[in-house]
């Protein structure tokens, strides 16, 4: 028996018959199907209400395109359902018609089991029941069989489920979303019995909170051993303990939050994902940084050269000119430090054999290792014990005690409260208490000096004496004027010899260039070179013959000119040397003095002869060798004072 063709139940609102349905204004029925007009659809809720009304009116959508149907009802953008359409995508076809869902066929669909967000349906063979009038047979008066009446009888006929009806039935049973159309169609087609999951809820897709992306490689400390350019590893120095950042570097990029996608229960109720967290990048931008916005995103950018610093309390990132470290300098914390910043401040100890190199260094704790500055100042607020403080260009100040230490600056002042068994080398040295120290400077000023060896042009001691077995040795550099004069005389003689040689060569040059043919050639060649004259071919030939004649003399002229220029250069070099010696002789013989206000023990004061050759010998010695040099037998000179009491006021005079 062929199933009856479903009849359309779409009616005209003006002439609506019983059992017919008036289409909502956003539905359009054409010969080629049933459409949703998105230009008239205000919200998807209106569409859901219309669908519910149609299914509740014992009707369903014929030839339903379930994928489009679901997108229209539950898609974030209903127009997505019409992407495959050609032409006007505001009209979206999702079915061919709306037809009646007879009660008899509705009875074919059984209950659905819903549990844990899934719907199960038991598929089995179904039968369509019908009531027919079956004749009751009897006999007439002649004995012939005749129909004497009718009785009602229920018959059943094998039937099949229809997907379109299935959707309508599930809707009325509360399953509005998530039907697996492919699974349902396959189960209906196979005709096999079995329980199958026919629909599942769609869980919400979580969004992502706003985050940061670190862009600069230098942004993190790296305590791995430093890799040298030749491939070796420096175990004393960390790879990047204090990140240093240049101006204009992108440090951090904000990754914007990503909103989640709503899910749906089987009922069609949305499952809203939590709103992701967001933050303001400007709240993370500290001093020395700024927030920049451009087409690539939102960034924190360094606005100056300096050191990267994270404030754990405010979560701010900043760029500062000064490094402040509170962990100390050791093999476990920082390793050796070689810094390029303008200032470094350390609150922890610098352990033995550790190096801190930089500019403008402040140490708040004891130093047992090496502190080296390329310039600025070094300030040690505590003690320097067995360590070294050096400054290439600048001052060094030790507020605590310096013991068995080396303090050296090539151009600067050393200021100390108390120094014991130290080597002090600087332009000026000022110490309140110095005991058993070796000091080399241009100027020395000590309040209490005991058992020291001092070399300085200007020495001022308030109290001086011996310490245990070490006497007080003081050496005042004075010029060896005879040696200076001898050197000056030698250079003057050389200058005179060069001048005589230049005069002789000048005469030879004048003799060579005064000959008639040479003078003529030089005059013509010079004017020709300047463009003052031009020559005919005959004149050019004559000039070439003349050049061949005077060529030997021209070579001689060139040789003499070269020798004269060499002699002039030599004379200039000798003149510079003479000026240098005269300047140093004047400087050496002026200002040398020694003043000791109170002598309380053995003190020996001598002059130290300075010649052009040995003027910088002591400064070139390694600090560890200076002690032996100052206290050795080679330190001889004219005795100025030897005694254990009294006072001394002495100034150098070049007069005999």
Foldseek 3Di string as FASTA:
>chain_A
DDDDDFDFQDDDPVDHDPLHDDDPPQWDADQQAIKGQQVPDDDLVVVVVRQLVLLVSQKWFAPFQVVLVQCSNFNPDNLVSQPPPPDDSSIHGGGHGIGGRDPQLLVQADDWDDDPQWIKGWFAWGKRKDKDWDFDWDADPVGDIDGPGTDIDIDIHTDFDDLRSVQSSVLVVQQPDFFPSVVVVVCRVVNDTDMDTGGGWWAKFAKAAKDKDFDDPLQDFFQPFDQDPVGDTHLQFGNHHWRWDAAFDFTMFIDHIGHIGWIAGSNRDTRHHDGHHYDDVQQQEDEQWDWDQDPVHITIGGHHTATWDADPVSRHIYGDLEAEEEPEADSPRGGAAADAGAEYEYAHEHDDQHHYEEHHYEYNDEYQEEYEYAEHEYEYAEEYEVYEYEYAYEEYEYEYEYEVYEYEYAEYEYEYAYYENYEYEYQEYEYAYYECYEYEHQEYEYAHYELYQYEYQHYHYAEYAYDDPRTAHYEHEAEPVVQLVVVLVVLVVVLVVLVVVLVVLVVVLCVLCVDPLNVVLVVVVVCVVVVVDDDDPVVVVVSVVSCVVSVVSVVVNVVSVVVNVVSVVVSVVSVVVSVVSVVVNVVRQPDGWYWYNWFAYWYWYFYAYDHPVCNCVLVPDDSVCNSCVSPDPVRDHHTDDTDRTDIDIDDGDPDD
